[in-house]
């Protein structure tokens, strides 16, 4: 795995009521032989906030 792209954190997704596996990106990076990580958390967080709002409207 030459690159890990880190988006929203698991704790953030849990606050949006999205079920996720409980593994942190840093654990994946640490297990990689390349150790490269790109962080896109603010961009991803906005997408999940929008998804949560859409889901709430359907209920």
N, C-alpha and C. Protein backbone atom coordinates (compact mmCIF):
# COMPACT_ATOMS: atom_id res chain seq x y z
N UNK A 1 0.86 -1.16 0.00
CA UNK A 1 0.00 0.00 0.00
C UNK A 1 0.91 1.23 0.00
N UNK A 2 1.06 1.90 -1.12
CA UNK A 2 2.00 3.02 -1.19
C UNK A 2 1.52 4.31 -0.55
N UNK A 3 0.21 4.47 -0.36
CA UNK A 3 -0.30 5.71 0.21
C UNK A 3 -1.60 5.45 0.95
N UNK A 4 -1.72 5.99 2.13
CA UNK A 4 -2.97 5.95 2.89
C UNK A 4 -3.56 7.35 2.83
N UNK A 5 -4.82 7.45 2.40
CA UNK A 5 -5.50 8.74 2.40
C UNK A 5 -6.45 8.72 3.58
N UNK A 6 -6.18 9.58 4.53
CA UNK A 6 -6.94 9.65 5.77
C UNK A 6 -8.03 10.69 5.60
N UNK A 7 -9.25 10.28 5.86
CA UNK A 7 -10.38 11.21 5.77
C UNK A 7 -10.91 11.50 7.15
N UNK A 8 -12.19 11.36 7.31
CA UNK A 8 -12.82 11.60 8.60
C UNK A 8 -12.34 10.57 9.63
N UNK A 9 -12.25 11.01 10.86
CA UNK A 9 -11.84 10.09 11.92
C UNK A 9 -13.01 9.21 12.34
N UNK A 10 -12.71 8.06 12.90
CA UNK A 10 -13.74 7.15 13.40
C UNK A 10 -14.57 7.85 14.49
N UNK A 11 -13.95 8.54 15.45
CA UNK A 11 -14.76 9.24 16.45
C UNK A 11 -15.72 10.26 15.83
N UNK A 12 -15.28 10.97 14.79
CA UNK A 12 -16.18 11.93 14.13
C UNK A 12 -17.35 11.20 13.48
N UNK A 13 -17.07 10.11 12.75
CA UNK A 13 -18.14 9.36 12.09
C UNK A 13 -19.14 8.80 13.10
N UNK A 14 -18.65 8.40 14.26
CA UNK A 14 -19.53 7.89 15.29
C UNK A 14 -20.46 8.99 15.81
N UNK A 15 -20.00 10.24 15.84
CA UNK A 15 -20.88 11.33 16.26
C UNK A 15 -21.97 11.58 15.23
N UNK A 16 -21.74 11.16 13.99
CA UNK A 16 -22.74 11.30 12.92
C UNK A 16 -23.61 10.04 12.80
N UNK A 17 -23.43 9.11 13.71
CA UNK A 17 -24.19 7.85 13.71
C UNK A 17 -23.89 6.96 12.51
N UNK A 18 -22.68 7.06 11.95
CA UNK A 18 -22.25 6.16 10.90
C UNK A 18 -21.42 5.05 11.54
N UNK A 19 -21.84 3.81 11.38
CA UNK A 19 -21.09 2.69 11.92
C UNK A 19 -19.82 2.45 11.11
N UNK A 20 -18.75 2.24 11.78
CA UNK A 20 -17.46 2.03 11.11
C UNK A 20 -16.66 0.99 11.88
N UNK A 21 -15.68 0.41 11.20
CA UNK A 21 -14.73 -0.44 11.92
C UNK A 21 -13.91 0.46 12.83
N UNK A 22 -13.42 -0.07 13.91
CA UNK A 22 -12.69 0.75 14.88
C UNK A 22 -11.19 0.57 14.69
N UNK A 23 -10.66 1.18 13.63
CA UNK A 23 -9.22 1.18 13.39
C UNK A 23 -8.82 2.58 12.96
N UNK A 24 -7.78 3.08 13.55
CA UNK A 24 -7.32 4.43 13.24
C UNK A 24 -6.38 4.40 12.04
N UNK A 25 -6.39 5.47 11.28
CA UNK A 25 -5.53 5.56 10.09
C UNK A 25 -4.06 5.40 10.46
N UNK A 26 -3.67 5.93 11.61
CA UNK A 26 -2.27 5.83 12.01
C UNK A 26 -1.84 4.38 12.17
N UNK A 27 -2.75 3.52 12.63
CA UNK A 27 -2.43 2.10 12.76
C UNK A 27 -2.18 1.48 11.38
N UNK A 28 -2.95 1.92 10.38
CA UNK A 28 -2.74 1.43 9.01
C UNK A 28 -1.42 1.93 8.47
N UNK A 29 -1.12 3.21 8.69
CA UNK A 29 0.14 3.79 8.23
C UNK A 29 1.32 3.09 8.90
N UNK A 30 1.20 2.85 10.20
CA UNK A 30 2.28 2.19 10.94
C UNK A 30 2.53 0.78 10.42
N UNK A 31 1.47 0.10 9.95
CA UNK A 31 1.61 -1.26 9.43
C UNK A 31 2.11 -1.28 7.99
N UNK A 32 2.07 -0.15 7.31
CA UNK A 32 2.51 -0.06 5.92
C UNK A 32 4.03 0.01 5.87
N UNK A 33 4.60 -0.55 4.84
CA UNK A 33 6.05 -0.44 4.72
C UNK A 33 6.47 0.90 4.15
N UNK A 34 5.52 1.68 3.66
CA UNK A 34 5.84 2.99 3.07
C UNK A 34 5.69 4.13 4.06
N UNK A 35 4.69 4.07 4.91
CA UNK A 35 4.50 5.07 5.95
C UNK A 35 4.10 6.45 5.46
N UNK A 36 3.42 6.54 4.31
CA UNK A 36 2.96 7.84 3.81
C UNK A 36 1.48 8.00 4.11
N UNK A 37 1.10 9.20 4.48
CA UNK A 37 -0.29 9.45 4.83
C UNK A 37 -0.69 10.85 4.37
N UNK A 38 -1.83 10.95 3.74
CA UNK A 38 -2.40 12.24 3.34
C UNK A 38 -3.67 12.44 4.15
N UNK A 39 -3.86 13.64 4.66
CA UNK A 39 -5.01 13.92 5.52
C UNK A 39 -5.99 14.84 4.80
N UNK A 40 -7.22 14.36 4.67
CA UNK A 40 -8.29 15.14 4.04
C UNK A 40 -9.49 15.22 4.99
N UNK A 41 -9.23 15.36 6.28
CA UNK A 41 -10.32 15.28 7.25
C UNK A 41 -11.35 16.38 7.10
N UNK A 42 -10.95 17.62 6.89
CA UNK A 42 -11.95 18.69 6.82
C UNK A 42 -12.86 18.50 5.61
N UNK A 43 -12.30 18.06 4.48
CA UNK A 43 -13.11 17.82 3.28
C UNK A 43 -14.08 16.67 3.51
N UNK A 44 -13.60 15.58 4.08
CA UNK A 44 -14.44 14.41 4.32
C UNK A 44 -15.49 14.69 5.39
N UNK A 45 -15.12 15.41 6.44
CA UNK A 45 -16.07 15.72 7.52
C UNK A 45 -17.27 16.47 6.96
N UNK A 46 -17.05 17.42 6.06
CA UNK A 46 -18.16 18.17 5.47
C UNK A 46 -19.09 17.26 4.68
N UNK A 47 -18.53 16.30 3.95
CA UNK A 47 -19.36 15.35 3.20
C UNK A 47 -20.23 14.51 4.13
N UNK A 48 -19.66 14.05 5.24
CA UNK A 48 -20.42 13.24 6.18
C UNK A 48 -21.48 14.07 6.91
N UNK A 49 -21.17 15.34 7.20
CA UNK A 49 -22.18 16.22 7.81
C UNK A 49 -23.37 16.37 6.86
N UNK A 50 -23.08 16.54 5.58
CA UNK A 50 -24.13 16.67 4.57
C UNK A 50 -24.94 15.38 4.48
N UNK A 51 -24.26 14.24 4.48
CA UNK A 51 -24.95 12.95 4.43
C UNK A 51 -25.85 12.74 5.64
N UNK A 52 -25.37 13.14 6.81
CA UNK A 52 -26.18 13.00 8.01
C UNK A 52 -27.43 13.87 7.92
N UNK A 53 -27.28 15.09 7.41
CA UNK A 53 -28.43 15.99 7.25
C UNK A 53 -29.44 15.40 6.29
N UNK A 54 -28.97 14.81 5.20
CA UNK A 54 -29.88 14.18 4.24
C UNK A 54 -30.61 12.99 4.87
N UNK A 55 -29.89 12.21 5.65
CA UNK A 55 -30.49 11.04 6.31
C UNK A 55 -31.53 11.49 7.33
N UNK A 56 -31.25 12.56 8.05
CA UNK A 56 -32.18 13.08 9.05
C UNK A 56 -33.47 13.57 8.41
N UNK A 57 -33.38 14.15 7.21
CA UNK A 57 -34.56 14.65 6.53
C UNK A 57 -35.48 13.52 6.09
N UNK A 58 -34.91 12.34 5.79
CA UNK A 58 -35.70 11.20 5.34
C UNK A 58 -36.47 10.55 6.48
N UNK A 59 -36.02 10.77 7.70
CA UNK A 59 -36.67 10.10 8.86
C UNK A 59 -37.96 10.77 9.26
